[in-house]
N, C-alpha and C. Protein backbone atom coordinates (compact mmCIF):
# COMPACT_ATOMS: atom_id res chain seq x y z
N UNK A 1 -27.21 30.89 54.15
CA UNK A 1 -28.27 30.40 53.29
C UNK A 1 -28.59 31.44 52.23
N UNK A 2 -28.63 31.02 50.99
CA UNK A 2 -28.93 31.93 49.88
C UNK A 2 -30.42 32.20 49.80
N UNK A 3 -30.75 33.41 49.35
CA UNK A 3 -32.15 33.75 49.10
C UNK A 3 -32.25 34.41 47.73
N UNK A 4 -33.47 34.43 47.19
CA UNK A 4 -33.72 35.00 45.88
C UNK A 4 -34.65 36.19 46.00
N UNK A 5 -34.33 37.23 45.23
CA UNK A 5 -35.19 38.41 45.14
C UNK A 5 -35.46 38.67 43.67
N UNK A 6 -36.73 38.75 43.28
CA UNK A 6 -37.09 38.95 41.88
C UNK A 6 -36.64 40.33 41.42
N UNK A 7 -35.86 40.36 40.35
CA UNK A 7 -35.44 41.61 39.72
C UNK A 7 -36.32 41.91 38.51
N UNK A 8 -36.56 40.90 37.67
CA UNK A 8 -37.39 41.05 36.47
C UNK A 8 -38.41 39.92 36.44
N UNK A 9 -39.68 40.27 36.41
CA UNK A 9 -40.73 39.26 36.40
C UNK A 9 -40.84 38.61 35.03
N UNK A 10 -41.41 37.43 35.00
CA UNK A 10 -41.63 36.71 33.73
C UNK A 10 -42.45 37.56 32.77
N UNK A 11 -43.42 38.29 33.28
CA UNK A 11 -44.27 39.13 32.43
C UNK A 11 -43.47 40.26 31.80
N UNK A 12 -42.62 40.89 32.58
CA UNK A 12 -41.79 41.98 32.06
C UNK A 12 -40.81 41.45 31.02
N UNK A 13 -40.23 40.29 31.28
CA UNK A 13 -39.29 39.68 30.33
C UNK A 13 -40.01 39.36 29.02
N UNK A 14 -41.18 38.75 29.11
CA UNK A 14 -41.94 38.39 27.91
C UNK A 14 -42.25 39.63 27.07
N UNK A 15 -42.72 40.69 27.71
CA UNK A 15 -43.07 41.91 26.98
C UNK A 15 -41.85 42.49 26.27
N UNK A 16 -40.72 42.50 26.94
CA UNK A 16 -39.50 43.06 26.33
C UNK A 16 -39.02 42.19 25.17
N UNK A 17 -39.13 40.89 25.29
CA UNK A 17 -38.71 40.01 24.19
C UNK A 17 -39.59 40.22 22.97
N UNK A 18 -40.87 40.47 23.17
CA UNK A 18 -41.75 40.78 22.03
C UNK A 18 -41.27 42.04 21.32
N UNK A 19 -40.85 43.04 22.09
CA UNK A 19 -40.33 44.28 21.50
C UNK A 19 -39.04 44.02 20.74
N UNK A 20 -38.14 43.23 21.31
CA UNK A 20 -36.88 42.91 20.64
C UNK A 20 -37.14 42.14 19.34
N UNK A 21 -38.07 41.19 19.37
CA UNK A 21 -38.41 40.45 18.17
C UNK A 21 -38.91 41.37 17.07
N UNK A 22 -39.76 42.32 17.42
CA UNK A 22 -40.28 43.28 16.44
C UNK A 22 -39.16 44.16 15.89
N UNK A 23 -38.23 44.55 16.74
CA UNK A 23 -37.09 45.37 16.31
C UNK A 23 -36.22 44.60 15.31
N UNK A 24 -35.95 43.34 15.60
CA UNK A 24 -35.15 42.52 14.69
C UNK A 24 -35.90 42.31 13.38
N UNK A 25 -37.21 42.11 13.44
CA UNK A 25 -38.02 41.98 12.22
C UNK A 25 -37.89 43.21 11.33
N UNK A 26 -37.87 44.39 11.94
CA UNK A 26 -37.70 45.63 11.16
C UNK A 26 -36.32 45.69 10.52
N UNK A 27 -35.30 45.23 11.26
CA UNK A 27 -33.93 45.27 10.75
C UNK A 27 -33.66 44.21 9.69
N UNK A 28 -34.36 43.09 9.76
CA UNK A 28 -34.15 41.96 8.83
C UNK A 28 -35.51 41.48 8.32
N UNK A 29 -36.17 42.25 7.46
CA UNK A 29 -37.53 41.89 7.06
C UNK A 29 -37.66 40.62 6.22
N UNK A 30 -36.60 40.22 5.54
CA UNK A 30 -36.72 39.06 4.65
C UNK A 30 -36.09 37.79 5.19
N UNK A 31 -35.01 37.90 5.94
CA UNK A 31 -34.36 36.72 6.49
C UNK A 31 -33.73 35.87 5.41
N UNK A 32 -33.27 34.69 5.73
CA UNK A 32 -33.23 34.18 7.09
C UNK A 32 -32.10 34.80 7.91
N UNK A 33 -32.29 34.77 9.20
CA UNK A 33 -31.28 35.23 10.14
C UNK A 33 -30.83 34.02 10.96
N UNK A 34 -29.52 33.88 11.11
CA UNK A 34 -28.98 32.84 11.99
C UNK A 34 -28.96 33.39 13.41
N UNK A 35 -29.65 32.74 14.32
CA UNK A 35 -29.53 33.03 15.74
C UNK A 35 -28.57 32.01 16.31
N UNK A 36 -27.49 32.50 16.91
CA UNK A 36 -26.50 31.60 17.50
C UNK A 36 -26.51 31.81 19.01
N UNK A 37 -27.01 30.83 19.72
CA UNK A 37 -27.12 30.91 21.17
C UNK A 37 -25.90 30.34 21.85
N UNK A 38 -25.48 31.02 22.90
CA UNK A 38 -24.35 30.56 23.70
C UNK A 38 -24.92 29.71 24.84
N UNK A 39 -24.58 28.41 24.81
CA UNK A 39 -25.09 27.46 25.80
C UNK A 39 -24.47 27.68 27.17
N UNK A 40 -25.16 27.35 28.19
CA UNK A 40 -26.51 26.88 28.21
C UNK A 40 -27.49 28.02 28.46
N UNK A 41 -26.97 29.10 29.02
CA UNK A 41 -27.82 30.18 29.50
C UNK A 41 -28.73 30.82 28.48
N UNK A 42 -28.29 30.96 27.24
CA UNK A 42 -29.08 31.68 26.24
C UNK A 42 -30.21 30.85 25.65
N UNK A 43 -30.28 29.57 25.96
CA UNK A 43 -31.25 28.71 25.29
C UNK A 43 -32.70 29.14 25.54
N UNK A 44 -33.02 29.55 26.75
CA UNK A 44 -34.39 29.97 27.07
C UNK A 44 -34.72 31.26 26.34
N UNK A 45 -33.84 32.25 26.43
CA UNK A 45 -34.03 33.53 25.76
C UNK A 45 -34.12 33.35 24.25
N UNK A 46 -33.23 32.55 23.68
CA UNK A 46 -33.22 32.39 22.23
C UNK A 46 -34.51 31.74 21.73
N UNK A 47 -35.01 30.75 22.43
CA UNK A 47 -36.26 30.11 22.02
C UNK A 47 -37.41 31.11 22.03
N UNK A 48 -37.50 31.91 23.08
CA UNK A 48 -38.57 32.90 23.16
C UNK A 48 -38.38 34.01 22.12
N UNK A 49 -37.14 34.42 21.89
CA UNK A 49 -36.87 35.45 20.89
C UNK A 49 -37.24 34.96 19.49
N UNK A 50 -36.88 33.74 19.15
CA UNK A 50 -37.21 33.19 17.83
C UNK A 50 -38.73 33.15 17.63
N UNK A 51 -39.47 32.79 18.67
CA UNK A 51 -40.93 32.76 18.56
C UNK A 51 -41.53 34.16 18.47
N UNK A 52 -40.83 35.17 18.96
CA UNK A 52 -41.32 36.55 18.89
C UNK A 52 -41.07 37.19 17.53
N UNK A 53 -40.27 36.54 16.71
CA UNK A 53 -39.90 37.09 15.40
C UNK A 53 -40.77 36.51 14.29
N UNK A 54 -41.06 37.36 13.29
CA UNK A 54 -41.73 36.89 12.08
C UNK A 54 -40.70 36.52 11.01
N UNK A 55 -39.53 37.13 11.09
CA UNK A 55 -38.44 36.84 10.16
C UNK A 55 -38.05 35.37 10.28
N UNK A 56 -37.85 34.68 9.16
CA UNK A 56 -37.39 33.29 9.24
C UNK A 56 -36.02 33.21 9.93
N UNK A 57 -35.88 32.23 10.80
CA UNK A 57 -34.62 32.06 11.53
C UNK A 57 -34.08 30.65 11.36
N UNK A 58 -32.77 30.57 11.47
CA UNK A 58 -32.06 29.30 11.62
C UNK A 58 -31.38 29.38 12.97
N UNK A 59 -31.38 28.29 13.70
CA UNK A 59 -30.85 28.32 15.05
C UNK A 59 -29.65 27.40 15.19
N UNK A 60 -28.62 27.93 15.83
CA UNK A 60 -27.39 27.18 16.13
C UNK A 60 -27.04 27.44 17.59
N UNK A 61 -26.27 26.54 18.16
CA UNK A 61 -25.77 26.73 19.52
C UNK A 61 -24.28 26.48 19.56
N UNK A 62 -23.60 27.23 20.41
CA UNK A 62 -22.19 26.99 20.68
C UNK A 62 -22.01 26.89 22.18
N UNK A 63 -20.95 26.23 22.59
CA UNK A 63 -20.58 26.18 23.99
C UNK A 63 -19.28 26.95 24.19
N UNK A 64 -19.30 27.86 25.14
CA UNK A 64 -18.10 28.63 25.48
C UNK A 64 -17.97 28.64 26.99
N UNK A 65 -16.83 28.23 27.49
CA UNK A 65 -16.61 28.19 28.94
C UNK A 65 -15.78 29.39 29.37
N UNK A 66 -16.25 30.07 30.41
CA UNK A 66 -15.46 31.17 30.98
C UNK A 66 -15.74 31.38 32.46
N UNK A 67 -16.66 30.60 33.03
CA UNK A 67 -17.04 30.78 34.43
C UNK A 67 -16.84 29.51 35.23
N UNK A 68 -16.45 29.69 36.49
CA UNK A 68 -16.44 28.63 37.49
C UNK A 68 -17.27 29.14 38.66
N UNK A 69 -18.48 28.62 38.83
CA UNK A 69 -19.35 29.12 39.89
C UNK A 69 -19.73 30.56 39.62
N UNK A 70 -19.40 31.45 40.58
CA UNK A 70 -19.73 32.87 40.44
C UNK A 70 -18.59 33.68 39.86
N UNK A 71 -17.46 33.06 39.56
CA UNK A 71 -16.26 33.80 39.18
C UNK A 71 -15.87 33.56 37.74
N UNK A 72 -15.59 34.67 37.02
CA UNK A 72 -15.09 34.56 35.65
C UNK A 72 -13.65 34.11 35.70
N UNK A 73 -13.29 33.19 34.81
CA UNK A 73 -11.91 32.70 34.78
C UNK A 73 -10.98 33.69 34.08
N UNK A 74 -11.56 34.68 33.38
CA UNK A 74 -10.74 35.68 32.69
C UNK A 74 -10.34 35.26 31.29
N UNK A 75 -10.68 34.05 30.89
CA UNK A 75 -10.41 33.61 29.53
C UNK A 75 -11.56 32.73 29.06
N UNK A 76 -11.71 32.65 27.74
CA UNK A 76 -12.81 31.88 27.16
C UNK A 76 -12.25 30.80 26.25
N UNK A 77 -13.00 29.70 26.15
CA UNK A 77 -12.61 28.64 25.22
C UNK A 77 -13.87 28.00 24.66
N UNK A 78 -13.79 27.62 23.38
CA UNK A 78 -14.91 26.99 22.69
C UNK A 78 -15.02 25.53 23.11
N UNK A 79 -16.20 25.13 23.57
CA UNK A 79 -16.41 23.74 23.97
C UNK A 79 -17.36 23.01 23.02
N UNK A 80 -18.14 23.75 22.23
CA UNK A 80 -19.00 23.18 21.19
C UNK A 80 -19.06 24.18 20.04
N UNK A 81 -18.69 23.74 18.85
CA UNK A 81 -18.65 24.61 17.67
C UNK A 81 -19.99 24.56 16.92
N UNK A 82 -20.12 25.45 15.94
CA UNK A 82 -21.29 25.47 15.07
C UNK A 82 -21.38 24.18 14.26
N UNK A 83 -22.60 23.81 13.92
CA UNK A 83 -22.81 22.62 13.09
C UNK A 83 -22.86 22.96 11.60
N UNK A 84 -23.12 24.23 11.26
CA UNK A 84 -23.28 24.63 9.87
C UNK A 84 -22.48 25.91 9.59
N UNK A 85 -22.07 26.11 8.33
CA UNK A 85 -21.35 27.34 7.98
C UNK A 85 -22.29 28.54 8.02
N UNK A 86 -21.74 29.71 8.34
CA UNK A 86 -22.53 30.94 8.41
C UNK A 86 -22.10 31.96 7.36
N UNK A 87 -21.17 31.61 6.51
CA UNK A 87 -20.67 32.54 5.50
C UNK A 87 -21.84 33.07 4.66
N UNK A 88 -21.89 34.41 4.55
CA UNK A 88 -22.91 35.06 3.74
C UNK A 88 -24.26 35.24 4.41
N UNK A 89 -24.40 34.81 5.65
CA UNK A 89 -25.67 34.95 6.36
C UNK A 89 -25.63 36.11 7.36
N UNK A 90 -26.80 36.70 7.60
CA UNK A 90 -26.95 37.64 8.71
C UNK A 90 -26.98 36.81 9.99
N UNK A 91 -26.16 37.20 10.96
CA UNK A 91 -26.00 36.43 12.19
C UNK A 91 -26.25 37.32 13.39
N UNK A 92 -27.02 36.81 14.33
CA UNK A 92 -27.21 37.47 15.61
C UNK A 92 -26.77 36.50 16.70
N UNK A 93 -25.75 36.89 17.45
CA UNK A 93 -25.31 36.10 18.60
C UNK A 93 -26.27 36.40 19.74
N UNK A 94 -26.81 35.36 20.34
CA UNK A 94 -27.79 35.52 21.41
C UNK A 94 -27.15 35.10 22.73
N UNK A 95 -27.11 36.04 23.66
CA UNK A 95 -26.51 35.82 24.98
C UNK A 95 -27.56 36.03 26.06
N UNK A 96 -27.44 35.28 27.15
CA UNK A 96 -28.29 35.54 28.30
C UNK A 96 -27.87 36.84 28.97
N UNK A 97 -26.55 37.01 29.17
CA UNK A 97 -26.04 38.19 29.86
C UNK A 97 -24.66 38.54 29.33
N UNK A 98 -24.43 39.83 29.17
CA UNK A 98 -23.10 40.32 28.80
C UNK A 98 -22.59 41.12 29.97
N UNK A 99 -21.45 40.70 30.53
CA UNK A 99 -20.87 41.47 31.62
C UNK A 99 -19.45 41.91 31.28
N UNK A 100 -18.44 41.08 31.47
CA UNK A 100 -17.06 41.53 31.23
C UNK A 100 -16.78 41.74 29.74
N UNK A 101 -17.48 41.01 28.89
CA UNK A 101 -17.23 41.09 27.45
C UNK A 101 -16.14 40.15 26.98
N UNK A 102 -15.51 39.43 27.89
CA UNK A 102 -14.41 38.53 27.52
C UNK A 102 -14.91 37.40 26.62
N UNK A 103 -15.97 36.73 27.03
CA UNK A 103 -16.51 35.62 26.24
C UNK A 103 -16.96 36.10 24.87
N UNK A 104 -17.68 37.19 24.86
CA UNK A 104 -18.23 37.70 23.60
C UNK A 104 -17.15 38.18 22.65
N UNK A 105 -16.14 38.87 23.15
CA UNK A 105 -15.04 39.32 22.30
C UNK A 105 -14.35 38.14 21.64
N UNK A 106 -14.09 37.12 22.42
CA UNK A 106 -13.47 35.89 21.90
C UNK A 106 -14.33 35.29 20.80
N UNK A 107 -15.63 35.15 21.06
CA UNK A 107 -16.51 34.49 20.11
C UNK A 107 -16.71 35.32 18.84
N UNK A 108 -16.84 36.63 18.98
CA UNK A 108 -17.01 37.49 17.81
C UNK A 108 -15.81 37.41 16.88
N UNK A 109 -14.61 37.33 17.45
CA UNK A 109 -13.41 37.18 16.63
C UNK A 109 -13.45 35.88 15.84
N UNK A 110 -13.89 34.80 16.47
CA UNK A 110 -14.03 33.52 15.77
C UNK A 110 -15.05 33.61 14.64
N UNK A 111 -16.18 34.25 14.92
CA UNK A 111 -17.23 34.34 13.91
C UNK A 111 -16.83 35.21 12.72
N UNK A 112 -16.12 36.30 12.98
CA UNK A 112 -15.69 37.19 11.89
C UNK A 112 -14.86 36.42 10.86
N UNK A 113 -14.07 35.47 11.31
CA UNK A 113 -13.24 34.66 10.41
C UNK A 113 -14.09 33.79 9.49
N UNK A 114 -15.35 33.58 9.85
CA UNK A 114 -16.24 32.72 9.06
C UNK A 114 -17.08 33.52 8.06
N UNK A 115 -16.82 34.82 7.97
CA UNK A 115 -17.37 35.71 6.96
C UNK A 115 -18.90 35.77 6.88
N UNK A 116 -19.55 36.10 7.99
CA UNK A 116 -21.00 36.31 7.91
C UNK A 116 -21.28 37.61 7.14
N UNK A 117 -22.48 37.72 6.58
CA UNK A 117 -22.89 38.95 5.90
C UNK A 117 -22.94 40.10 6.90
N UNK A 118 -23.52 39.85 8.05
CA UNK A 118 -23.57 40.83 9.13
C UNK A 118 -23.50 40.08 10.45
N UNK A 119 -23.11 40.80 11.50
CA UNK A 119 -22.93 40.18 12.81
C UNK A 119 -23.38 41.16 13.88
N UNK A 120 -24.42 40.79 14.60
CA UNK A 120 -24.95 41.62 15.68
C UNK A 120 -25.10 40.78 16.94
N UNK A 121 -25.41 41.48 18.04
CA UNK A 121 -25.53 40.82 19.34
C UNK A 121 -26.88 41.16 19.96
N UNK A 122 -27.55 40.14 20.48
CA UNK A 122 -28.76 40.32 21.28
C UNK A 122 -28.49 39.72 22.65
N UNK A 123 -28.77 40.49 23.68
CA UNK A 123 -28.59 39.99 25.05
C UNK A 123 -29.81 40.33 25.87
N UNK A 124 -30.31 39.36 26.59
CA UNK A 124 -31.43 39.65 27.48
C UNK A 124 -30.99 40.65 28.54
N UNK A 125 -29.79 40.46 29.08
CA UNK A 125 -29.30 41.30 30.17
C UNK A 125 -27.93 41.87 29.82
N UNK A 126 -27.72 43.12 30.20
CA UNK A 126 -26.43 43.78 29.96
C UNK A 126 -25.97 44.41 31.26
N UNK A 127 -24.71 44.13 31.62
CA UNK A 127 -24.07 44.69 32.82
C UNK A 127 -22.88 45.54 32.39
N UNK A 128 -23.11 46.72 31.81
CA UNK A 128 -21.98 47.51 31.30
C UNK A 128 -20.98 47.93 32.37
N UNK A 129 -21.39 47.98 33.63
CA UNK A 129 -20.47 48.39 34.69
C UNK A 129 -19.35 47.37 34.90
N UNK A 130 -19.52 46.15 34.41
CA UNK A 130 -18.51 45.10 34.58
C UNK A 130 -17.59 44.94 33.37
N UNK A 131 -17.78 45.74 32.35
CA UNK A 131 -17.07 45.57 31.08
C UNK A 131 -15.57 45.69 31.24
N UNK A 132 -14.86 44.65 30.78
CA UNK A 132 -13.40 44.68 30.69
C UNK A 132 -12.94 44.80 29.25
N UNK A 133 -13.82 44.44 28.32
CA UNK A 133 -13.55 44.56 26.88
C UNK A 133 -14.69 45.35 26.26
N UNK A 134 -14.37 46.24 25.31
CA UNK A 134 -15.45 47.03 24.69
C UNK A 134 -16.32 46.15 23.78
N UNK A 135 -17.59 46.06 24.11
CA UNK A 135 -18.54 45.27 23.33
C UNK A 135 -19.81 46.09 23.18
N UNK A 136 -20.28 46.20 21.93
CA UNK A 136 -21.55 46.88 21.67
C UNK A 136 -22.64 45.84 21.52
N UNK A 137 -23.67 45.93 22.34
CA UNK A 137 -24.81 45.02 22.24
C UNK A 137 -25.90 45.74 21.45
N UNK A 138 -26.29 45.16 20.32
CA UNK A 138 -27.24 45.80 19.41
C UNK A 138 -28.68 45.73 19.92
N UNK A 139 -29.03 44.62 20.53
CA UNK A 139 -30.40 44.41 21.03
C UNK A 139 -30.31 44.04 22.50
N UNK A 140 -30.67 45.00 23.37
CA UNK A 140 -30.55 44.80 24.82
C UNK A 140 -31.95 44.68 25.42
N UNK A 141 -32.15 43.61 26.17
CA UNK A 141 -33.40 43.47 26.89
C UNK A 141 -33.46 44.43 28.06
N UNK A 142 -32.52 44.28 28.98
CA UNK A 142 -32.49 45.10 30.19
C UNK A 142 -31.06 45.36 30.61
N UNK A 143 -30.79 46.59 31.04
CA UNK A 143 -29.52 46.88 31.70
C UNK A 143 -29.72 46.57 33.17
N UNK A 144 -28.78 45.82 33.75
CA UNK A 144 -28.96 45.32 35.11
C UNK A 144 -27.79 45.73 36.00
N UNK A 145 -28.03 45.76 37.32
CA UNK A 145 -26.96 46.12 38.25
C UNK A 145 -25.93 45.00 38.39
N UNK A 146 -24.80 45.34 38.98
CA UNK A 146 -23.71 44.39 39.18
C UNK A 146 -24.01 43.50 40.40
N UNK A 147 -24.96 42.59 40.21
CA UNK A 147 -25.30 41.61 41.24
C UNK A 147 -25.38 40.25 40.56
N UNK A 148 -25.25 39.18 41.33
CA UNK A 148 -25.29 37.85 40.73
C UNK A 148 -26.73 37.46 40.48
N UNK A 149 -27.04 37.17 39.21
CA UNK A 149 -28.40 36.92 38.77
C UNK A 149 -28.59 35.46 38.37
N UNK A 150 -29.78 34.95 38.64
CA UNK A 150 -30.15 33.58 38.26
C UNK A 150 -31.58 33.59 37.72
N UNK A 151 -31.93 32.50 37.08
CA UNK A 151 -33.28 32.35 36.54
C UNK A 151 -33.33 32.67 35.06
N UNK A 152 -34.39 32.21 34.41
CA UNK A 152 -34.60 32.42 32.98
C UNK A 152 -33.35 32.05 32.17
N UNK A 153 -32.77 30.91 32.51
CA UNK A 153 -31.59 30.40 31.81
C UNK A 153 -30.29 30.61 32.55
N UNK A 154 -30.24 31.60 33.43
CA UNK A 154 -29.03 31.89 34.20
C UNK A 154 -28.95 30.94 35.40
N UNK A 155 -27.74 30.47 35.68
CA UNK A 155 -27.61 29.49 36.76
C UNK A 155 -26.54 29.88 37.77
N UNK A 156 -26.57 29.18 38.87
CA UNK A 156 -25.46 29.13 39.80
C UNK A 156 -25.20 27.65 40.05
N UNK A 157 -24.07 27.16 39.55
CA UNK A 157 -23.70 25.75 39.65
C UNK A 157 -24.84 24.84 39.17
N UNK A 158 -25.42 25.19 38.02
CA UNK A 158 -26.48 24.45 37.32
C UNK A 158 -27.85 24.52 37.98
N UNK A 159 -28.01 25.25 39.06
CA UNK A 159 -29.31 25.43 39.69
C UNK A 159 -29.94 26.74 39.23
N UNK A 160 -31.25 26.84 39.37
CA UNK A 160 -32.06 28.04 39.15
C UNK A 160 -32.38 28.36 37.68
N UNK A 161 -31.83 27.64 36.70
CA UNK A 161 -32.06 27.97 35.29
C UNK A 161 -33.54 28.02 34.92
N UNK A 162 -34.34 27.16 35.51
CA UNK A 162 -35.73 27.03 35.09
C UNK A 162 -36.68 28.03 35.75
N UNK A 163 -36.16 28.91 36.59
CA UNK A 163 -37.03 29.93 37.18
C UNK A 163 -37.58 30.82 36.08
N UNK A 164 -38.85 31.21 36.15
CA UNK A 164 -39.43 32.06 35.10
C UNK A 164 -39.00 33.52 35.18
N UNK A 165 -38.53 33.95 36.35
CA UNK A 165 -38.10 35.32 36.57
C UNK A 165 -36.58 35.39 36.60
N UNK A 166 -36.04 36.60 36.45
CA UNK A 166 -34.62 36.84 36.72
C UNK A 166 -34.54 37.34 38.15
N UNK A 167 -33.74 36.66 38.96
CA UNK A 167 -33.66 36.97 40.38
C UNK A 167 -32.23 37.29 40.80
N UNK A 168 -32.11 38.08 41.84
CA UNK A 168 -30.83 38.35 42.47
C UNK A 168 -30.59 37.24 43.50
N UNK A 169 -29.44 36.59 43.39
CA UNK A 169 -29.05 35.56 44.36
C UNK A 169 -28.29 36.25 45.48
N UNK A 170 -28.86 36.24 46.66
CA UNK A 170 -28.26 36.94 47.81
C UNK A 170 -27.76 35.93 48.82
N UNK A 171 -26.62 36.29 49.43
CA UNK A 171 -26.11 35.45 50.50
C UNK A 171 -25.14 34.40 50.12
């Protein structure tokens, strides 16, 4: 039987997102900035991040598949593309969690071909100990241990996404 242990409370997450929003506002005072969320996990973080920012934002979502249950497949593929061009815009890719870097490396290569003005990464959670590809995350909410996490958009087989906290799934 699986159990949950809170790693990051909703209050701690909210406070950190306010800080990240202020940091992005300093970096992009005039906007607009395209926030591109990777579905489905980043949707909760991206909505809260956009509300924490004063800079005007445009929001897009993409679908990228690389996981089956708890296991990374080792390759990524685009399942939903952008709806609008990003050429000439400042772009921030918004991820729920960066671990191996496989998904993000794949997606960043695709985005570079579309000629954005700038391209940065914001991730609520970063697991650098799992990195298989070198990826620099510009805006990091929290560095987390190598454990399976759920909640605040993160799921296990589509469950737990709506939890307000980030929890360790044990068992």
